[in-house]
Amino acid sequence: MPPPPSSSRPGLNGHPIATQNQQPYYRSYSSSSSASLKGCCCCLFLLFAFLALLVLAVVLIVILAVKPKKPQFDLQQVAVVYMGISNPSAVLDPTTASLSLTIRMLFTAVNPNKVGIRYGESSFTVMYKGMPLGRATVPGFYQDAHSTRNVEATISVDRVNLMQAHAADLVRDASLNDRVELTVRGDVGAKIRVMNFDSPGVQVSVNCGIGISPRKQALIYKQCGFDGLSV
C-alpha cells in the first residue's frame, strides 16, 4: 500500500519540513456523545419502570392484606309523595290519560372494609312492566371505613304520556285495583381507596320491586335484592 501523501512547509532555516495529513476527529466525538445520550435515556426508562412496578407491588400487597369486601347498598324506605292519573275514568282509552308520580327513596350504604370507598354517580330508574317512567341521579361521594351512610333519591314523573305498551294496564291497576307494581333499578359503581390509589371498579346492580296504593298514597310492599356484582 503506498504511503499517505505528505506535504512540506518551510522551516526556520529555509529547509522544508515534511508533515503528514491530519484526519478530522469531530466524527468520533459526535458518535460517543450520541451513544452516551442513548445510554442515559435507557437508564432513566428502566428506573421509572422499576419504580412503577415497585409501587404496584406495594399496592397489591396492601389490598391483599386488607381483603376488601363488596359494599352494601340497600333500599331501606320508599315514601309515596304523590301518584295520580289525570283522567282516571279513561280506563278503556288510556291515550287520554297521563301519569304523575313522585316517590322518595332512602338508601343505606354500608362499608364493611378497613379502608374507604369512593362511589361514582349512580342512577335509578322506575319502570312499570319494563316501561321507563322516570329516573333519579345520586351524586358520587366518599365513605369512610366501617361506616354507614344514608343516601336519598327522588324520582318525579310529571304527566308522562301513556300512549305506550302496557298503558291500559297501568291505568286499570291505578284506577280499579288500587295497586300499582313498579320496579326500581339502578347501577352503583364503587372503588376501594388504598394509599391514595383506587382499586378496579365494581358495579352492583340493584333491583327492587315496590307496590303503591294510589288512593292511600302509600307503599304496600317492598322487596329488594342485587342482580349481581360485575367488575
C-alpha atoms as a PDB file:
ATOM      1  CA  MET A   1       0.000   0.000   0.000  1.00  0.00           C
ATOM      2  CA  PRO A   2       1.501   3.374  -0.941  1.00  0.00           C
ATOM      3  CA  PRO A   3       2.275   5.727   1.955  1.00  0.00           C
ATOM      4  CA  PRO A   4      -0.109   8.584   2.566  1.00  0.00           C
ATOM      5  CA  PRO A   5       0.701  11.764   0.759  1.00  0.00           C
ATOM      6  CA  SER A   6       2.816  14.238   2.627  1.00  0.00           C
ATOM      7  CA  SER A   7       3.196  17.943   2.404  1.00  0.00           C
ATOM      8  CA  SER A   8       6.082  20.201   3.292  1.00  0.00           C
ATOM      9  CA  ARG A   9       6.376  23.636   4.733  1.00  0.00           C
ATOM     10  CA  PRO A  10       9.494  25.826   5.044  1.00  0.00           C
ATOM     11  CA  GLY A  11      11.421  25.708   8.286  1.00  0.00           C
ATOM     12  CA  LEU A  12      13.233  28.443  10.138  1.00  0.00           C
ATOM     13  CA  ASN A  13      16.497  27.819   8.216  1.00  0.00           C
ATOM     14  CA  GLY A  14      14.749  27.534   4.876  1.00  0.00           C
ATOM     15  CA  HIS A  15      14.756  23.728   4.705  1.00  0.00           C
ATOM     16  CA  PRO A  16      11.388  22.126   4.103  1.00  0.00           C
ATOM     17  CA  ILE A  17       9.769  20.161   6.920  1.00  0.00           C
ATOM     18  CA  ALA A  18       7.612  17.203   5.939  1.00  0.00           C
ATOM     19  CA  THR A  19       4.194  16.956   7.585  1.00  0.00           C
ATOM     20  CA  GLN A  20       1.520  14.209   7.435  1.00  0.00           C
ATOM     21  CA  ASN A  21      -2.120  14.996   6.566  1.00  0.00           C
ATOM     22  CA  GLN A  22      -4.244  15.056   9.773  1.00  0.00           C
ATOM     23  CA  GLN A  23      -7.690  13.350   9.829  1.00  0.00           C
ATOM     24  CA  PRO A  24     -10.663  15.216  11.411  1.00  0.00           C
ATOM     25  CA  TYR A  25     -11.664  13.973  14.863  1.00  0.00           C
ATOM     26  CA  TYR A  26     -15.133  15.533  15.291  1.00  0.00           C
ATOM     27  CA  ARG A  27     -16.940  12.458  13.913  1.00  0.00           C
ATOM     28  CA  SER A  28     -15.748  10.182  16.705  1.00  0.00           C
ATOM     29  CA  TYR A  29     -16.679  12.830  19.291  1.00  0.00           C
ATOM     30  CA  SER A  30     -20.249  13.078  17.890  1.00  0.00           C
ATOM     31  CA  SER A  31     -20.689   9.289  17.891  1.00  0.00           C
ATOM     32  CA  SER A  32     -19.611   8.964  21.528  1.00  0.00           C
ATOM     33  CA  SER A  33     -21.998  11.764  22.603  1.00  0.00           C
ATOM     34  CA  SER A  34     -24.952  10.076  20.866  1.00  0.00           C
ATOM     35  CA  ALA A  35     -24.179   6.729  22.486  1.00  0.00           C
ATOM     36  CA  SER A  36     -23.908   8.364  25.911  1.00  0.00           C
ATOM     37  CA  LEU A  37     -27.295  10.089  25.464  1.00  0.00           C
ATOM     38  CA  LYS A  38     -28.980   6.824  24.467  1.00  0.00           C
ATOM     39  CA  GLY A  39     -27.486   5.115  27.493  1.00  0.00           C
ATOM     40  CA  CYS A  40     -28.847   7.785  29.854  1.00  0.00           C
ATOM     41  CA  CYS A  41     -32.343   7.540  28.341  1.00  0.00           C
ATOM     42  CA  CYS A  42     -32.302   3.762  28.706  1.00  0.00           C
ATOM     43  CA  CYS A  43     -31.238   4.025  32.349  1.00  0.00           C
ATOM     44  CA  LEU A  44     -33.998   6.544  33.118  1.00  0.00           C
ATOM     45  CA  PHE A  45     -36.617   4.342  31.455  1.00  0.00           C
ATOM     46  CA  LEU A  46     -35.512   1.305  33.438  1.00  0.00           C
ATOM     47  CA  LEU A  47     -35.538   3.353  36.651  1.00  0.00           C
ATOM     48  CA  PHE A  48     -39.098   4.630  36.113  1.00  0.00           C
ATOM     49  CA  ALA A  49     -40.289   1.149  35.131  1.00  0.00           C
ATOM     50  CA  PHE A  50     -38.775  -0.303  38.301  1.00  0.00           C
ATOM     51  CA  LEU A  51     -40.386   2.375  40.485  1.00  0.00           C
ATOM     52  CA  ALA A  52     -43.787   1.820  38.837  1.00  0.00           C
ATOM     53  CA  LEU A  53     -43.565  -1.936  39.395  1.00  0.00           C
ATOM     54  CA  LEU A  54     -42.497  -1.356  42.993  1.00  0.00           C
ATOM     55  CA  VAL A  55     -45.470   0.918  43.709  1.00  0.00           C
ATOM     56  CA  LEU A  56     -47.838  -1.549  42.038  1.00  0.00           C
ATOM     57  CA  ALA A  57     -46.444  -4.412  44.100  1.00  0.00           C
ATOM     58  CA  VAL A  58     -46.875  -2.438  47.334  1.00  0.00           C
ATOM     59  CA  VAL A  59     -50.482  -1.556  46.461  1.00  0.00           C
ATOM     60  CA  LEU A  60     -51.285  -5.187  45.622  1.00  0.00           C
ATOM     61  CA  ILE A  61     -49.760  -6.367  48.892  1.00  0.00           C
ATOM     62  CA  VAL A  62     -51.812  -3.835  50.851  1.00  0.00           C
ATOM     63  CA  ILE A  63     -55.004  -4.818  49.010  1.00  0.00           C
ATOM     64  CA  LEU A  64     -54.383  -8.490  49.746  1.00  0.00           C
ATOM     65  CA  ALA A  65     -53.729  -7.657  53.389  1.00  0.00           C
ATOM     66  CA  VAL A  66     -56.906  -5.565  53.660  1.00  0.00           C
ATOM     67  CA  LYS A  67     -59.056  -8.277  51.988  1.00  0.00           C
ATOM     68  CA  PRO A  68     -61.647  -5.884  50.522  1.00  0.00           C
ATOM     69  CA  LYS A  69     -65.325  -6.799  50.622  1.00  0.00           C
ATOM     70  CA  LYS A  70     -68.100  -5.534  48.389  1.00  0.00           C
ATOM     71  CA  PRO A  71     -70.116  -2.649  49.855  1.00  0.00           C
ATOM     72  CA  GLN A  72     -73.799  -2.986  50.712  1.00  0.00           C
ATOM     73  CA  PHE A  73     -76.233  -0.591  49.035  1.00  0.00           C
ATOM     74  CA  ASP A  74     -79.823  -1.321  50.060  1.00  0.00           C
ATOM     75  CA  LEU A  75     -83.142   0.449  49.606  1.00  0.00           C
ATOM     76  CA  GLN A  76     -84.477   0.904  53.131  1.00  0.00           C
ATOM     77  CA  GLN A  77     -87.538   3.148  52.748  1.00  0.00           C
ATOM     78  CA  VAL A  78     -89.863   4.322  49.989  1.00  0.00           C
ATOM     79  CA  ALA A  79     -92.194   7.259  50.572  1.00  0.00           C
ATOM     80  CA  VAL A  80     -95.005   7.981  48.118  1.00  0.00           C
ATOM     81  CA  VAL A  81     -95.223  11.760  47.877  1.00  0.00           C
ATOM     82  CA  TYR A  82     -97.815  11.773  45.100  1.00  0.00           C
ATOM     83  CA  MET A  83     -99.294   9.468  42.496  1.00  0.00           C
ATOM     84  CA  GLY A  84    -102.237  10.255  40.273  1.00  0.00           C
ATOM     85  CA  ILE A  85    -103.867   9.795  36.879  1.00  0.00           C
ATOM     86  CA  SER A  86    -105.035  12.955  35.127  1.00  0.00           C
ATOM     87  CA  ASN A  87    -108.126  11.203  33.706  1.00  0.00           C
ATOM     88  CA  PRO A  88    -108.838   8.135  35.843  1.00  0.00           C
ATOM     89  CA  SER A  89    -112.183   7.495  34.121  1.00  0.00           C
ATOM     90  CA  ALA A  90    -110.443   6.743  30.833  1.00  0.00           C
ATOM     91  CA  VAL A  91    -109.889   3.071  31.529  1.00  0.00           C
ATOM     92  CA  LEU A  92    -110.877   1.922  28.069  1.00  0.00           C
ATOM     93  CA  ASP A  93    -108.998   4.727  26.333  1.00  0.00           C
ATOM     94  CA  PRO A  94    -105.702   5.233  28.187  1.00  0.00           C
ATOM     95  CA  THR A  95    -104.342   7.516  25.469  1.00  0.00           C
ATOM     96  CA  THR A  96    -106.339  10.372  27.020  1.00  0.00           C
ATOM     97  CA  ALA A  97    -104.695   9.909  30.440  1.00  0.00           C
ATOM     98  CA  SER A  98    -101.333  10.914  31.847  1.00  0.00           C
ATOM     99  CA  LEU A  99     -99.458   9.762  34.939  1.00  0.00           C
ATOM    100  CA  SER A 100     -97.843  11.927  37.619  1.00  0.00           C
ATOM    101  CA  LEU A 101     -95.660  10.257  40.226  1.00  0.00           C
ATOM    102  CA  THR A 102     -93.243  11.394  42.935  1.00  0.00           C
ATOM    103  CA  ILE A 103     -91.542   8.901  45.229  1.00  0.00           C
ATOM    104  CA  ARG A 104     -88.694   9.466  47.683  1.00  0.00           C
ATOM    105  CA  MET A 105     -86.251   6.642  48.319  1.00  0.00           C
ATOM    106  CA  LEU A 106     -83.801   6.212  51.181  1.00  0.00           C
ATOM    107  CA  PHE A 107     -80.768   4.025  50.524  1.00  0.00           C
ATOM    108  CA  THR A 108     -78.279   2.809  53.109  1.00  0.00           C
ATOM    109  CA  ALA A 109     -74.632   2.397  52.105  1.00  0.00           C
ATOM    110  CA  VAL A 110     -72.583   0.145  54.401  1.00  0.00           C
ATOM    111  CA  ASN A 111     -68.802  -0.074  54.124  1.00  0.00           C
ATOM    112  CA  PRO A 112     -67.506  -3.189  55.947  1.00  0.00           C
ATOM    113  CA  ASN A 113     -63.887  -2.628  54.869  1.00  0.00           C
ATOM    114  CA  LYS A 114     -60.865  -1.319  56.751  1.00  0.00           C
ATOM    115  CA  VAL A 115     -60.364   1.363  54.094  1.00  0.00           C
ATOM    116  CA  GLY A 116     -62.591   3.975  52.497  1.00  0.00           C
ATOM    117  CA  ILE A 117     -64.782   3.568  49.419  1.00  0.00           C
ATOM    118  CA  ARG A 118     -65.368   6.092  46.658  1.00  0.00           C
ATOM    119  CA  TYR A 119     -68.760   5.861  44.947  1.00  0.00           C
ATOM    120  CA  GLY A 120     -69.352   7.201  41.484  1.00  0.00           C
ATOM    121  CA  GLU A 121     -72.506   8.876  40.254  1.00  0.00           C
ATOM    122  CA  SER A 122     -75.438   6.442  40.342  1.00  0.00           C
ATOM    123  CA  SER A 123     -78.756   6.494  38.510  1.00  0.00           C
ATOM    124  CA  PHE A 124     -82.025   4.751  39.378  1.00  0.00           C
ATOM    125  CA  THR A 125     -84.963   4.205  37.040  1.00  0.00           C
ATOM    126  CA  VAL A 126     -88.566   3.428  37.997  1.00  0.00           C
ATOM    127  CA  MET A 127     -90.369   1.187  35.499  1.00  0.00           C
ATOM    128  CA  TYR A 128     -93.769  -0.383  35.002  1.00  0.00           C
ATOM    129  CA  LYS A 129     -93.568  -3.756  33.234  1.00  0.00           C
ATOM    130  CA  GLY A 130     -90.341  -2.682  31.573  1.00  0.00           C
ATOM    131  CA  MET A 131     -91.688   0.751  30.558  1.00  0.00           C
ATOM    132  CA  PRO A 132     -89.429   3.533  31.979  1.00  0.00           C
ATOM    133  CA  LEU A 133     -91.370   6.216  33.840  1.00  0.00           C
ATOM    134  CA  GLY A 134     -88.659   8.359  35.457  1.00  0.00           C
ATOM    135  CA  ARG A 135     -85.078   8.481  36.643  1.00  0.00           C
ATOM    136  CA  ALA A 136     -83.182   9.819  39.657  1.00  0.00           C
ATOM    137  CA  THR A 137     -79.452  10.559  39.936  1.00  0.00           C
ATOM    138  CA  VAL A 138     -77.330  10.300  43.086  1.00  0.00           C
ATOM    139  CA  PRO A 139     -74.034  12.259  43.087  1.00  0.00           C
ATOM    140  CA  GLY A 140     -70.824  10.434  43.892  1.00  0.00           C
ATOM    141  CA  PHE A 141     -69.452  10.511  47.430  1.00  0.00           C
ATOM    142  CA  TYR A 142     -66.690   9.129  49.640  1.00  0.00           C
ATOM    143  CA  GLN A 143     -67.413   6.810  52.571  1.00  0.00           C
ATOM    144  CA  ASP A 144     -65.047   6.180  55.461  1.00  0.00           C
ATOM    145  CA  ALA A 145     -64.057   2.728  56.666  1.00  0.00           C
ATOM    146  CA  HIS A 146     -66.508   0.789  58.863  1.00  0.00           C
ATOM    147  CA  SER A 147     -69.277   3.359  58.433  1.00  0.00           C
ATOM    148  CA  THR A 148     -72.930   3.591  57.387  1.00  0.00           C
ATOM    149  CA  ARG A 149     -74.358   6.422  55.333  1.00  0.00           C
ATOM    150  CA  ASN A 150     -77.890   7.295  54.231  1.00  0.00           C
ATOM    151  CA  VAL A 151     -78.459   8.438  50.660  1.00  0.00           C
ATOM    152  CA  GLU A 152     -81.714   9.975  49.421  1.00  0.00           C
ATOM    153  CA  ALA A 153     -83.043   9.997  45.868  1.00  0.00           C
ATOM    154  CA  THR A 154     -86.300  11.368  44.474  1.00  0.00           C
ATOM    155  CA  ILE A 155     -87.975  10.231  41.268  1.00  0.00           C
ATOM    156  CA  SER A 156     -90.522  12.628  39.815  1.00  0.00           C
ATOM    157  CA  VAL A 157     -92.771  11.899  36.844  1.00  0.00           C
ATOM    158  CA  ASP A 158     -94.799  14.855  35.599  1.00  0.00           C
ATOM    159  CA  ARG A 159     -97.715  13.915  33.326  1.00  0.00           C
ATOM    160  CA  VAL A 160     -95.943  11.218  31.380  1.00  0.00           C
ATOM    161  CA  ASN A 161     -97.735  10.245  28.173  1.00  0.00           C
ATOM    162  CA  LEU A 162     -99.339   6.812  28.461  1.00  0.00           C
ATOM    163  CA  MET A 163     -99.534   6.164  24.719  1.00  0.00           C
ATOM    164  CA  GLN A 164     -97.183   3.200  25.072  1.00  0.00           C
ATOM    165  CA  ALA A 165     -97.340  -0.529  25.685  1.00  0.00           C
ATOM    166  CA  HIS A 166     -98.969  -1.551  28.983  1.00  0.00           C
ATOM    167  CA  ALA A 167    -100.540   1.901  29.337  1.00  0.00           C
ATOM    168  CA  ALA A 168    -104.031   0.405  29.665  1.00  0.00           C
ATOM    169  CA  ASP A 169    -102.799  -1.984  32.370  1.00  0.00           C
ATOM    170  CA  LEU A 170    -101.265   0.878  34.322  1.00  0.00           C
ATOM    171  CA  VAL A 171    -104.469   2.931  34.244  1.00  0.00           C
ATOM    172  CA  ARG A 172    -106.511  -0.124  35.222  1.00  0.00           C
ATOM    173  CA  ASP A 173    -104.209  -1.012  38.126  1.00  0.00           C
ATOM    174  CA  ALA A 174    -104.259   2.539  39.449  1.00  0.00           C
ATOM    175  CA  SER A 175    -107.990   3.228  38.972  1.00  0.00           C
ATOM    176  CA  LEU A 176    -109.681  -0.121  39.620  1.00  0.00           C
ATOM    177  CA  ASN A 177    -107.252  -2.296  41.564  1.00  0.00           C
ATOM    178  CA  ASP A 178    -105.630   0.489  43.613  1.00  0.00           C
ATOM    179  CA  ARG A 179    -102.358  -1.397  43.299  1.00  0.00           C
ATOM    180  CA  VAL A 180     -99.504  -0.415  41.008  1.00  0.00           C
ATOM    181  CA  GLU A 181     -96.419  -2.604  40.973  1.00  0.00           C
ATOM    182  CA  LEU A 182     -93.240  -0.818  39.945  1.00  0.00           C
ATOM    183  CA  THR A 183     -89.602  -1.794  39.577  1.00  0.00           C
ATOM    184  CA  VAL A 184     -86.675   0.346  40.686  1.00  0.00           C
ATOM    185  CA  ARG A 185     -83.363  -0.493  39.060  1.00  0.00           C
ATOM    186  CA  GLY A 186     -80.000   1.162  39.283  1.00  0.00           C
ATOM    187  CA  ASP A 187     -76.267   0.668  38.951  1.00  0.00           C
ATOM    188  CA  VAL A 188     -73.945   1.626  41.790  1.00  0.00           C
ATOM    189  CA  GLY A 189     -70.236   1.918  40.971  1.00  0.00           C
ATOM    190  CA  ALA A 190     -67.631   1.828  43.750  1.00  0.00           C
ATOM    191  CA  LYS A 191     -63.848   1.789  44.121  1.00  0.00           C
ATOM    192  CA  ILE A 192     -61.849   0.933  47.231  1.00  0.00           C
ATOM    193  CA  ARG A 193     -59.395   3.676  48.218  1.00  0.00           C
ATOM    194  CA  VAL A 194     -55.969   2.379  49.377  1.00  0.00           C
ATOM    195  CA  MET A 195     -52.976   4.716  49.899  1.00  0.00           C
ATOM    196  CA  ASN A 196     -54.464   7.364  47.613  1.00  0.00           C
ATOM    197  CA  PHE A 197     -54.941   4.751  44.888  1.00  0.00           C
ATOM    198  CA  ASP A 198     -58.286   3.467  43.613  1.00  0.00           C
ATOM    199  CA  SER A 199     -58.834  -0.233  43.068  1.00  0.00           C
ATOM    200  CA  PRO A 200     -60.520  -1.534  39.900  1.00  0.00           C
ATOM    201  CA  GLY A 201     -64.164  -0.501  39.920  1.00  0.00           C
ATOM    202  CA  VAL A 202     -67.017  -2.825  40.810  1.00  0.00           C
ATOM    203  CA  GLN A 203     -70.628  -2.317  39.825  1.00  0.00           C
ATOM    204  CA  VAL A 204     -73.602  -3.616  41.785  1.00  0.00           C
ATOM    205  CA  SER A 205     -76.957  -3.780  40.017  1.00  0.00           C
ATOM    206  CA  VAL A 206     -79.850  -3.037  42.379  1.00  0.00           C
ATOM    207  CA  ASN A 207     -83.268  -4.483  41.566  1.00  0.00           C
ATOM    208  CA  CYS A 208     -86.236  -3.581  43.793  1.00  0.00           C
ATOM    209  CA  GLY A 209     -89.927  -4.312  43.393  1.00  0.00           C
ATOM    210  CA  ILE A 210     -92.410  -1.992  45.112  1.00  0.00           C
ATOM    211  CA  GLY A 211     -96.191  -1.828  45.300  1.00  0.00           C
ATOM    212  CA  ILE A 212     -98.022   1.508  45.610  1.00  0.00           C
ATOM    213  CA  SER A 213    -101.622   2.327  46.523  1.00  0.00           C
ATOM    214  CA  PRO A 214    -102.688   5.474  44.601  1.00  0.00           C
ATOM    215  CA  ARG A 215    -105.734   6.060  46.836  1.00  0.00           C
ATOM    216  CA  LYS A 216    -103.824   5.826  50.105  1.00  0.00           C
ATOM    217  CA  GLN A 217    -100.714   7.432  48.630  1.00  0.00           C
ATOM    218  CA  ALA A 218     -98.738   4.781  50.473  1.00  0.00           C
ATOM    219  CA  LEU A 219     -96.326   1.932  49.951  1.00  0.00           C
ATOM    220  CA  ILE A 220     -97.876  -1.551  50.088  1.00  0.00           C
ATOM    221  CA  TYR A 221     -94.759  -3.700  49.936  1.00  0.00           C
ATOM    222  CA  LYS A 222     -91.062  -3.575  49.090  1.00  0.00           C
ATOM    223  CA  GLN A 223     -88.748  -6.378  48.005  1.00  0.00           C
ATOM    224  CA  CYS A 224     -85.154  -5.635  47.041  1.00  0.00           C
ATOM    225  CA  GLY A 225     -82.048  -7.506  46.084  1.00  0.00           C
ATOM    226  CA  PHE A 226     -78.946  -7.444  43.937  1.00  0.00           C
ATOM    227  CA  ASP A 227     -78.877  -8.708  40.369  1.00  0.00           C
ATOM    228  CA  GLY A 228     -75.187  -9.356  40.695  1.00  0.00           C
ATOM    229  CA  LEU A 229     -71.692  -7.999  41.065  1.00  0.00           C
ATOM    230  CA  SER A 230     -69.641  -7.214  37.985  1.00  0.00           C
ATOM    231  CA  VAL A 231     -66.144  -5.839  37.532  1.00  0.00           C
END
